[in-house]
Amino acid sequence: MPRVLAFDSGIGGLGIVAQLRLLLPGIPVDYLADTAVFPYGEQPDSALRARIVRLVGAAIERLQPSVVVVACNTASTLALDSLRAAYDVPFVGCVPPIKWAADQTRTGTIGLLATRATVRRPYLKALSARFAPDCTLLAYGARGLADMAEKAFRGTPPDPALLRTELAGLFAQPGGSAIDVVGLGCTHYTFLLEAMRDIGPPHVAWLDPAPAVARQVARVLATCPAPHGPAPALPDQFCFTAEPRDFAALRPGLAALGYEQDAARPFEASPVVEHKE
């Protein structure tokens, strides 16, 4: 049986896993969270790129996936090309939904919430120039949203005041009142989607790419050759490079996604990138 590997800095990619469970029931989905250096948006590019390539390579060797989902916008915009050059496995990445937003807008002003690293990279400007040349793109690097999302997955709703502050970083920009479509440029934000809809401007459409990413995984998986030999009799693995914060609170959500308690385990690979507080 084929296997899928989903990779992210934290639990953000589990939103894509949830969509894969609906779309591909019965297909094992392993997960690797690089929790030792979460959040990725705060790490230096060169060291982080090298770390991602080494870490994903180790996971490919150990878990033998048919397809790898880089379920992280920061990792995709930084390292997807390097991963494809290094390993002979199909990769599906996550990129900011600029084209989708451009197709949906009526005002011509689109918004993007992402990590600061994604917002500052030339990759985003290239996406905008290619897919939304006639639109005004307003982007905001929201440092606090990933932490809120991690807590939301563990059952703690976001603080409305803090969430309003983060959203104001986007909508309070000059011209921000014209935004009518906002794309989620970080997979973590899936777990804040309903709260953002409730707190944000009522006329705004919110675009979560997770279902589209899952559909692309299914398309790629359908083209993969059948694995040789018997499939390993392993439960779906949830692996982490450092024990996640509030791990006990994380377990119910993992169980709901099909990860058994004894399938959660540490993953050791290359030395960690120095973490910046």
C-alpha atoms as a PDB file:
ATOM      1  CA  MET A   1       0.000   0.000   0.000  1.00  0.00           C
ATOM      2  CA  PRO A   2       1.296   3.519  -0.724  1.00  0.00           C
ATOM      3  CA  ARG A   3       2.141   5.867   2.147  1.00  0.00           C
ATOM      4  CA  VAL A   4       2.089   9.637   2.421  1.00  0.00           C
ATOM      5  CA  LEU A   5       4.502  11.690   4.511  1.00  0.00           C
ATOM      6  CA  ALA A   6       3.390  15.138   5.669  1.00  0.00           C
ATOM      7  CA  PHE A   7       6.047  17.512   6.991  1.00  0.00           C
ATOM      8  CA  ASP A   8       5.679  20.773   8.906  1.00  0.00           C
ATOM      9  CA  SER A   9       7.360  22.755  11.657  1.00  0.00           C
ATOM     10  CA  GLY A  10       4.458  22.051  14.027  1.00  0.00           C
ATOM     11  CA  ILE A  11       0.859  20.892  13.838  1.00  0.00           C
ATOM     12  CA  GLY A  12      -0.212  23.156  10.969  1.00  0.00           C
ATOM     13  CA  GLY A  13       0.003  20.387   8.404  1.00  0.00           C
ATOM     14  CA  LEU A  14      -2.535  18.343  10.364  1.00  0.00           C
ATOM     15  CA  GLY A  15      -5.223  20.419   8.650  1.00  0.00           C
ATOM     16  CA  ILE A  16      -4.059  18.845   5.396  1.00  0.00           C
ATOM     17  CA  VAL A  17      -3.950  15.437   7.066  1.00  0.00           C
ATOM     18  CA  ALA A  18      -7.610  15.892   8.035  1.00  0.00           C
ATOM     19  CA  GLN A  19      -8.462  16.521   4.390  1.00  0.00           C
ATOM     20  CA  LEU A  20      -6.395  13.511   3.291  1.00  0.00           C
ATOM     21  CA  ARG A  21      -8.305  11.294   5.728  1.00  0.00           C
ATOM     22  CA  LEU A  22     -11.555  12.352   4.047  1.00  0.00           C
ATOM     23  CA  LEU A  23     -10.229  12.043   0.512  1.00  0.00           C
ATOM     24  CA  LEU A  24      -8.017   8.954   0.842  1.00  0.00           C
ATOM     25  CA  PRO A  25      -9.462   6.772   3.617  1.00  0.00           C
ATOM     26  CA  GLY A  26      -7.238   3.835   4.413  1.00  0.00           C
ATOM     27  CA  ILE A  27      -4.046   5.364   3.024  1.00  0.00           C
ATOM     28  CA  PRO A  28      -1.393   5.635   5.769  1.00  0.00           C
ATOM     29  CA  VAL A  29      -0.283   9.210   6.423  1.00  0.00           C
ATOM     30  CA  ASP A  30       2.878   9.641   8.464  1.00  0.00           C
ATOM     31  CA  TYR A  31       3.639  13.031   9.965  1.00  0.00           C
ATOM     32  CA  LEU A  32       6.892  14.717  10.909  1.00  0.00           C
ATOM     33  CA  ALA A  33       6.832  17.915  12.969  1.00  0.00           C
ATOM     34  CA  ASP A  34      10.115  19.778  13.314  1.00  0.00           C
ATOM     35  CA  THR A  35       9.122  21.065  16.718  1.00  0.00           C
ATOM     36  CA  ALA A  36      12.726  21.612  17.796  1.00  0.00           C
ATOM     37  CA  VAL A  37      12.861  24.871  15.825  1.00  0.00           C
ATOM     38  CA  PHE A  38       9.204  25.931  15.677  1.00  0.00           C
ATOM     39  CA  PRO A  39       8.249  28.444  14.344  1.00  0.00           C
ATOM     40  CA  TYR A  40       9.994  28.240  10.977  1.00  0.00           C
ATOM     41  CA  GLY A  41       9.082  31.817  10.123  1.00  0.00           C
ATOM     42  CA  GLU A  42      11.605  33.038  12.703  1.00  0.00           C
ATOM     43  CA  GLN A  43      14.619  31.028  11.466  1.00  0.00           C
ATOM     44  CA  PRO A  44      17.520  32.132   9.202  1.00  0.00           C
ATOM     45  CA  ASP A  45      17.025  30.944   5.626  1.00  0.00           C
ATOM     46  CA  SER A  46      20.298  29.225   4.751  1.00  0.00           C
ATOM     47  CA  ALA A  47      20.570  27.052   7.851  1.00  0.00           C
ATOM     48  CA  LEU A  48      16.868  26.249   7.748  1.00  0.00           C
ATOM     49  CA  ARG A  49      16.975  25.149   4.108  1.00  0.00           C
ATOM     50  CA  ALA A  50      19.850  22.780   4.806  1.00  0.00           C
ATOM     51  CA  ARG A  51      18.083  21.422   7.874  1.00  0.00           C
ATOM     52  CA  ILE A  52      14.843  20.761   5.995  1.00  0.00           C
ATOM     53  CA  VAL A  53      16.643  18.886   3.222  1.00  0.00           C
ATOM     54  CA  ARG A  54      18.524  16.688   5.708  1.00  0.00           C
ATOM     55  CA  LEU A  55      15.517  16.072   7.937  1.00  0.00           C
ATOM     56  CA  VAL A  56      13.098  15.197   5.135  1.00  0.00           C
ATOM     57  CA  GLY A  57      15.753  12.963   3.577  1.00  0.00           C
ATOM     58  CA  ALA A  58      16.094  11.027   6.815  1.00  0.00           C
ATOM     59  CA  ALA A  59      12.306  10.671   7.019  1.00  0.00           C
ATOM     60  CA  ILE A  60      12.117   9.443   3.428  1.00  0.00           C
ATOM     61  CA  GLU A  61      14.737   6.776   4.150  1.00  0.00           C
ATOM     62  CA  ARG A  62      13.012   5.665   7.344  1.00  0.00           C
ATOM     63  CA  LEU A  63       9.332   5.817   6.339  1.00  0.00           C
ATOM     64  CA  GLN A  64       9.524   5.092   2.582  1.00  0.00           C
ATOM     65  CA  PRO A  65       6.676   7.383   1.481  1.00  0.00           C
ATOM     66  CA  SER A  66       5.198   7.327  -2.002  1.00  0.00           C
ATOM     67  CA  VAL A  67       4.534  11.093  -1.844  1.00  0.00           C
ATOM     68  CA  VAL A  68       5.850  13.799   0.474  1.00  0.00           C
ATOM     69  CA  VAL A  69       3.648  16.767   1.349  1.00  0.00           C
ATOM     70  CA  VAL A  70       5.646  19.782   2.456  1.00  0.00           C
ATOM     71  CA  ALA A  71       2.688  20.984   4.510  1.00  0.00           C
ATOM     72  CA  CYS A  72       4.298  24.304   5.393  1.00  0.00           C
ATOM     73  CA  ASN A  73       4.359  27.481   3.325  1.00  0.00           C
ATOM     74  CA  THR A  74       7.674  28.652   4.784  1.00  0.00           C
ATOM     75  CA  ALA A  75       9.383  25.327   4.049  1.00  0.00           C
ATOM     76  CA  SER A  76       7.824  25.132   0.582  1.00  0.00           C
ATOM     77  CA  THR A  77       8.858  28.608  -0.515  1.00  0.00           C
ATOM     78  CA  LEU A  78      12.350  28.071   0.894  1.00  0.00           C
ATOM     79  CA  ALA A  79      13.274  24.453   0.202  1.00  0.00           C
ATOM     80  CA  LEU A  80      10.857  22.756  -2.225  1.00  0.00           C
ATOM     81  CA  ASP A  81      13.180  23.094  -5.223  1.00  0.00           C
ATOM     82  CA  SER A  82      16.121  21.778  -3.180  1.00  0.00           C
ATOM     83  CA  LEU A  83      14.087  18.798  -1.980  1.00  0.00           C
ATOM     84  CA  ARG A  84      13.008  17.894  -5.504  1.00  0.00           C
ATOM     85  CA  ALA A  85      16.612  18.090  -6.669  1.00  0.00           C
ATOM     86  CA  ALA A  86      17.865  15.929  -3.814  1.00  0.00           C
ATOM     87  CA  TYR A  87      15.322  13.076  -3.656  1.00  0.00           C
ATOM     88  CA  ASP A  88      13.580  10.914  -6.227  1.00  0.00           C
ATOM     89  CA  VAL A  89      10.176  11.094  -4.553  1.00  0.00           C
ATOM     90  CA  PRO A  90       7.209  13.227  -5.685  1.00  0.00           C
ATOM     91  CA  PHE A  91       6.718  16.337  -3.573  1.00  0.00           C
ATOM     92  CA  VAL A  92       3.573  18.415  -3.121  1.00  0.00           C
ATOM     93  CA  GLY A  93       4.140  21.855  -1.617  1.00  0.00           C
ATOM     94  CA  CYS A  94       2.005  24.594  -0.135  1.00  0.00           C
ATOM     95  CA  VAL A  95       2.224  28.076  -1.576  1.00  0.00           C
ATOM     96  CA  PRO A  96       0.219  31.211  -0.763  1.00  0.00           C
ATOM     97  CA  PRO A  97      -3.130  31.108  -2.639  1.00  0.00           C
ATOM     98  CA  ILE A  98      -2.494  34.267  -4.666  1.00  0.00           C
ATOM     99  CA  LYS A  99      -4.039  33.030  -7.914  1.00  0.00           C
ATOM    100  CA  TRP A 100      -7.140  31.790  -6.110  1.00  0.00           C
ATOM    101  CA  ALA A 101      -7.527  35.127  -4.340  1.00  0.00           C
ATOM    102  CA  ALA A 102      -7.067  37.038  -7.594  1.00  0.00           C
ATOM    103  CA  ASP A 103      -9.781  34.921  -9.209  1.00  0.00           C
ATOM    104  CA  GLN A 104     -12.188  35.627  -6.322  1.00  0.00           C
ATOM    105  CA  THR A 105     -11.722  39.343  -5.670  1.00  0.00           C
ATOM    106  CA  ARG A 106     -14.182  41.951  -6.839  1.00  0.00           C
ATOM    107  CA  THR A 107     -12.402  44.990  -5.442  1.00  0.00           C
ATOM    108  CA  GLY A 108      -8.982  44.103  -6.845  1.00  0.00           C
ATOM    109  CA  THR A 109      -7.397  44.242  -3.381  1.00  0.00           C
ATOM    110  CA  ILE A 110      -6.432  40.905  -1.875  1.00  0.00           C
ATOM    111  CA  GLY A 111      -4.919  40.082   1.507  1.00  0.00           C
ATOM    112  CA  LEU A 112      -2.502  37.455   2.707  1.00  0.00           C
ATOM    113  CA  LEU A 113      -1.771  36.295   6.234  1.00  0.00           C
ATOM    114  CA  ALA A 114       1.519  34.420   6.467  1.00  0.00           C
ATOM    115  CA  THR A 115       4.705  34.133   8.458  1.00  0.00           C
ATOM    116  CA  ARG A 116       7.139  37.025   8.320  1.00  0.00           C
ATOM    117  CA  ALA A 117       9.571  34.834   6.395  1.00  0.00           C
ATOM    118  CA  THR A 118       7.021  34.070   3.670  1.00  0.00           C
ATOM    119  CA  VAL A 119       6.012  37.710   3.382  1.00  0.00           C
ATOM    120  CA  ARG A 120       9.556  38.987   2.967  1.00  0.00           C
ATOM    121  CA  ARG A 121      10.733  36.445   0.387  1.00  0.00           C
ATOM    122  CA  PRO A 122      10.969  37.314  -3.349  1.00  0.00           C
ATOM    123  CA  TYR A 123       8.886  34.173  -3.988  1.00  0.00           C
ATOM    124  CA  LEU A 124       5.763  36.019  -2.889  1.00  0.00           C
ATOM    125  CA  LYS A 125       6.437  38.977  -5.160  1.00  0.00           C
ATOM    126  CA  ALA A 126       6.968  36.588  -8.060  1.00  0.00           C
ATOM    127  CA  LEU A 127       3.655  34.835  -7.330  1.00  0.00           C
ATOM    128  CA  SER A 128       1.862  38.162  -7.227  1.00  0.00           C
ATOM    129  CA  ALA A 129       3.443  39.387 -10.466  1.00  0.00           C
ATOM    130  CA  ARG A 130       2.581  36.147 -12.246  1.00  0.00           C
ATOM    131  CA  PHE A 131      -0.900  35.381 -10.963  1.00  0.00           C
ATOM    132  CA  ALA A 132      -2.295  38.703  -9.721  1.00  0.00           C
ATOM    133  CA  PRO A 133      -0.696  41.433 -11.850  1.00  0.00           C
ATOM    134  CA  ASP A 134      -3.862  43.528 -11.852  1.00  0.00           C
ATOM    135  CA  CYS A 135      -4.461  43.241  -8.109  1.00  0.00           C
ATOM    136  CA  THR A 136      -3.140  45.065  -5.095  1.00  0.00           C
ATOM    137  CA  LEU A 137      -1.680  42.545  -2.673  1.00  0.00           C
ATOM    138  CA  LEU A 138      -1.507  43.499   1.006  1.00  0.00           C
ATOM    139  CA  ALA A 139       0.382  40.954   3.092  1.00  0.00           C
ATOM    140  CA  TYR A 140       1.027  40.739   6.799  1.00  0.00           C
ATOM    141  CA  GLY A 141       3.603  38.600   8.580  1.00  0.00           C
ATOM    142  CA  ALA A 142       1.598  37.548  11.635  1.00  0.00           C
ATOM    143  CA  ARG A 143       4.014  36.365  14.312  1.00  0.00           C
ATOM    144  CA  GLY A 144       1.350  35.410  16.862  1.00  0.00           C
ATOM    145  CA  LEU A 145      -1.104  33.417  14.748  1.00  0.00           C
ATOM    146  CA  ALA A 146       0.914  30.184  14.594  1.00  0.00           C
ATOM    147  CA  ASP A 147       1.125  30.051  18.384  1.00  0.00           C
ATOM    148  CA  MET A 148      -2.628  30.700  18.640  1.00  0.00           C
ATOM    149  CA  ALA A 149      -3.258  27.907  16.143  1.00  0.00           C
ATOM    150  CA  GLU A 150      -1.123  25.469  18.114  1.00  0.00           C
ATOM    151  CA  LYS A 151      -3.219  26.226  21.195  1.00  0.00           C
ATOM    152  CA  ALA A 152      -6.488  26.044  19.237  1.00  0.00           C
ATOM    153  CA  PHE A 153      -5.657  22.521  18.058  1.00  0.00           C
ATOM    154  CA  ARG A 154      -5.135  21.613  21.701  1.00  0.00           C
ATOM    155  CA  GLY A 155      -8.597  22.898  22.581  1.00  0.00           C
ATOM    156  CA  THR A 156      -7.856  26.464  23.730  1.00  0.00           C
ATOM    157  CA  PRO A 157      -9.766  29.034  21.629  1.00  0.00           C
ATOM    158  CA  PRO A 158      -7.813  32.124  20.563  1.00  0.00           C
ATOM    159  CA  ASP A 159      -8.078  35.246  22.682  1.00  0.00           C
ATOM    160  CA  PRO A 160     -10.394  37.560  20.676  1.00  0.00           C
ATOM    161  CA  ALA A 161      -8.406  40.672  21.587  1.00  0.00           C
ATOM    162  CA  LEU A 162      -5.107  39.144  20.490  1.00  0.00           C
ATOM    163  CA  LEU A 163      -6.652  37.827  17.295  1.00  0.00           C
ATOM    164  CA  ARG A 164      -8.096  41.268  16.490  1.00  0.00           C
ATOM    165  CA  THR A 165      -4.639  42.760  16.982  1.00  0.00           C
ATOM    166  CA  GLU A 166      -3.118  40.338  14.511  1.00  0.00           C
ATOM    167  CA  LEU A 167      -5.874  40.882  11.948  1.00  0.00           C
ATOM    168  CA  ALA A 168      -5.482  44.638  12.326  1.00  0.00           C
ATOM    169  CA  GLY A 169      -1.928  44.212  11.059  1.00  0.00           C
ATOM    170  CA  LEU A 170      -3.497  43.319   7.725  1.00  0.00           C
ATOM    171  CA  PHE A 171      -6.716  45.312   7.530  1.00  0.00           C
ATOM    172  CA  ALA A 172      -5.353  48.520   9.117  1.00  0.00           C
ATOM    173  CA  GLN A 173      -2.737  48.923   6.400  1.00  0.00           C
ATOM    174  CA  PRO A 174      -3.351  51.753   3.918  1.00  0.00           C
ATOM    175  CA  GLY A 175      -6.000  50.442   1.535  1.00  0.00           C
ATOM    176  CA  GLY A 176      -6.804  47.532   3.842  1.00  0.00           C
ATOM    177  CA  SER A 177     -10.497  48.381   3.990  1.00  0.00           C
ATOM    178  CA  ALA A 178     -10.748  47.367   0.319  1.00  0.00           C
ATOM    179  CA  ILE A 179      -9.619  43.800   0.975  1.00  0.00           C
ATOM    180  CA  ASP A 180     -12.432  41.404   0.125  1.00  0.00           C
ATOM    181  CA  VAL A 181     -10.466  38.126  -0.061  1.00  0.00           C
ATOM    182  CA  VAL A 182      -7.811  36.881   2.355  1.00  0.00           C
ATOM    183  CA  GLY A 183      -5.616  33.876   1.626  1.00  0.00           C
ATOM    184  CA  LEU A 184      -4.104  31.813   4.409  1.00  0.00           C
ATOM    185  CA  GLY A 185      -0.375  31.623   3.731  1.00  0.00           C
ATOM    186  CA  CYS A 186       0.467  29.355   6.669  1.00  0.00           C
ATOM    187  CA  THR A 187      -1.037  25.920   7.196  1.00  0.00           C
ATOM    188  CA  HIS A 188      -1.345  26.557  10.931  1.00  0.00           C
ATOM    189  CA  TYR A 189      -4.024  29.150  10.291  1.00  0.00           C
ATOM    190  CA  THR A 190      -6.512  26.443   9.284  1.00  0.00           C
ATOM    191  CA  PHE A 191      -7.248  25.988  12.988  1.00  0.00           C
ATOM    192  CA  LEU A 192      -8.140  29.680  13.354  1.00  0.00           C
ATOM    193  CA  LEU A 193     -10.318  29.919  10.267  1.00  0.00           C
ATOM    194  CA  GLU A 194     -13.694  29.999  11.996  1.00  0.00           C
ATOM    195  CA  ALA A 195     -12.486  32.492  14.616  1.00  0.00           C
ATOM    196  CA  MET A 196     -11.115  34.776  11.900  1.00  0.00           C
ATOM    197  CA  ARG A 197     -14.406  34.605  10.042  1.00  0.00           C
ATOM    198  CA  ASP A 198     -16.226  35.598  13.211  1.00  0.00           C
ATOM    199  CA  ILE A 199     -13.901  38.457  14.158  1.00  0.00           C
ATOM    200  CA  GLY A 200     -12.833  39.735  10.745  1.00  0.00           C
ATOM    201  CA  PRO A 201     -14.816  42.051   8.447  1.00  0.00           C
ATOM    202  CA  PRO A 202     -18.093  40.399   7.449  1.00  0.00           C
ATOM    203  CA  HIS A 203     -17.625  40.955   3.717  1.00  0.00           C
ATOM    204  CA  VAL A 204     -14.299  39.096   3.502  1.00  0.00           C
ATOM    205  CA  ALA A 205     -13.900  35.635   1.958  1.00  0.00           C
ATOM    206  CA  TRP A 206     -11.242  33.469   3.631  1.00  0.00           C
ATOM    207  CA  LEU A 207      -9.312  30.983   1.472  1.00  0.00           C
ATOM    208  CA  ASP A 208      -7.837  27.876   3.097  1.00  0.00           C
ATOM    209  CA  PRO A 209      -5.696  25.871   0.627  1.00  0.00           C
ATOM    210  CA  ALA A 210      -5.748  22.629   2.680  1.00  0.00           C
ATOM    211  CA  PRO A 211      -8.487  20.875   0.634  1.00  0.00           C
ATOM    212  CA  ALA A 212      -6.777  21.795  -2.643  1.00  0.00           C
ATOM    213  CA  VAL A 213      -3.428  20.487  -1.391  1.00  0.00           C
ATOM    214  CA  ALA A 214      -5.058  17.193  -0.407  1.00  0.00           C
ATOM    215  CA  ARG A 215      -6.613  16.883  -3.868  1.00  0.00           C
ATOM    216  CA  GLN A 216      -3.207  17.424  -5.463  1.00  0.00           C
ATOM    217  CA  VAL A 217      -1.716  14.712  -3.247  1.00  0.00           C
ATOM    218  CA  ALA A 218      -4.439  12.336  -4.422  1.00  0.00           C
ATOM    219  CA  ARG A 219      -3.691  13.167  -8.064  1.00  0.00           C
ATOM    220  CA  VAL A 220       0.037  12.605  -7.611  1.00  0.00           C
ATOM    221  CA  LEU A 221      -0.509   9.412  -5.639  1.00  0.00           C
ATOM    222  CA  ALA A 222      -2.664   8.016  -8.452  1.00  0.00           C
ATOM    223  CA  THR A 223       0.309   8.282 -10.820  1.00  0.00           C
ATOM    224  CA  CYS A 224       2.805   6.581  -8.492  1.00  0.00           C
ATOM    225  CA  PRO A 225       3.820   2.984  -9.216  1.00  0.00           C
ATOM    226  CA  ALA A 226       2.689   0.371  -6.751  1.00  0.00           C
ATOM    227  CA  PRO A 227       5.219  -0.254  -3.962  1.00  0.00           C
ATOM    228  CA  HIS A 228       7.452  -3.297  -4.375  1.00  0.00           C
ATOM    229  CA  GLY A 229       7.190  -6.015  -1.774  1.00  0.00           C
ATOM    230  CA  PRO A 230       4.843  -6.246   1.202  1.00  0.00           C
ATOM    231  CA  ALA A 231       3.817  -3.021   2.896  1.00  0.00           C
ATOM    232  CA  PRO A 232       5.238  -2.551   6.404  1.00  0.00           C
ATOM    233  CA  ALA A 233       2.669  -3.341   9.076  1.00  0.00           C
ATOM    234  CA  LEU A 234       3.150  -0.017  10.849  1.00  0.00           C
ATOM    235  CA  PRO A 235       0.494   2.276  12.233  1.00  0.00           C
ATOM    236  CA  ASP A 236       0.556   5.820  10.943  1.00  0.00           C
ATOM    237  CA  GLN A 237       3.495   7.549  12.602  1.00  0.00           C
ATOM    238  CA  PHE A 238       3.438  10.969  14.282  1.00  0.00           C
ATOM    239  CA  CYS A 239       7.074  11.984  14.728  1.00  0.00           C
ATOM    240  CA  PHE A 240       8.622  15.083  16.279  1.00  0.00           C
ATOM    241  CA  THR A 241      12.142  16.458  16.653  1.00  0.00           C
ATOM    242  CA  ALA A 242      11.427  17.729  20.180  1.00  0.00           C
ATOM    243  CA  GLU A 243       8.508  16.833  22.427  1.00  0.00           C
ATOM    244  CA  PRO A 244       5.719  19.289  21.574  1.00  0.00           C
ATOM    245  CA  ARG A 245       4.533  21.712  24.193  1.00  0.00           C
ATOM    246  CA  ASP A 246       1.505  20.496  26.171  1.00  0.00           C
ATOM    247  CA  PHE A 247       1.838  17.084  24.594  1.00  0.00           C
ATOM    248  CA  ALA A 248      -0.958  15.626  26.705  1.00  0.00           C
ATOM    249  CA  ALA A 249      -3.348  18.258  25.341  1.00  0.00           C
ATOM    250  CA  LEU A 250      -2.218  17.400  21.820  1.00  0.00           C
ATOM    251  CA  ARG A 251      -3.083  13.723  22.038  1.00  0.00           C
ATOM    252  CA  PRO A 252      -6.906  13.952  21.653  1.00  0.00           C
ATOM    253  CA  GLY A 253      -6.542  15.831  18.381  1.00  0.00           C
ATOM    254  CA  LEU A 254      -3.974  13.332  17.142  1.00  0.00           C
ATOM    255  CA  ALA A 255      -6.224  10.431  18.080  1.00  0.00           C
ATOM    256  CA  ALA A 256      -9.098  12.013  16.145  1.00  0.00           C
ATOM    257  CA  LEU A 257      -6.830  12.011  13.081  1.00  0.00           C
ATOM    258  CA  GLY A 258      -5.963   8.335  13.486  1.00  0.00           C
ATOM    259  CA  TYR A 259      -2.621   8.532  15.296  1.00  0.00           C
ATOM    260  CA  GLU A 260      -2.447   5.920  18.041  1.00  0.00           C
ATOM    261  CA  GLN A 261      -0.797   6.906  21.301  1.00  0.00           C
ATOM    262  CA  ASP A 262       2.135   4.522  20.866  1.00  0.00           C
ATOM    263  CA  ALA A 263       2.723   5.772  17.304  1.00  0.00           C
ATOM    264  CA  ALA A 264       3.881   9.210  18.527  1.00  0.00           C
ATOM    265  CA  ARG A 265       7.641   9.163  18.857  1.00  0.00           C
ATOM    266  CA  PRO A 266      10.788  11.297  18.736  1.00  0.00           C
ATOM    267  CA  PHE A 267      12.633  11.656  15.450  1.00  0.00           C
ATOM    268  CA  GLU A 268      16.354  12.302  15.561  1.00  0.00           C
ATOM    269  CA  ALA A 269      18.239  13.603  12.562  1.00  0.00           C
ATOM    270  CA  SER A 270      20.634  16.481  11.950  1.00  0.00           C
ATOM    271  CA  PRO A 271      21.605  19.008  14.648  1.00  0.00           C
ATOM    272  CA  VAL A 272      19.000  21.653  15.322  1.00  0.00           C
ATOM    273  CA  VAL A 273      19.114  25.186  14.030  1.00  0.00           C
ATOM    274  CA  GLU A 274      19.729  27.703  16.801  1.00  0.00           C
ATOM    275  CA  HIS A 275      16.340  28.859  18.034  1.00  0.00           C
ATOM    276  CA  LYS A 276      15.676  32.584  18.242  1.00  0.00           C
ATOM    277  CA  GLU A 277      13.328  33.739  20.959  1.00  0.00           C
END
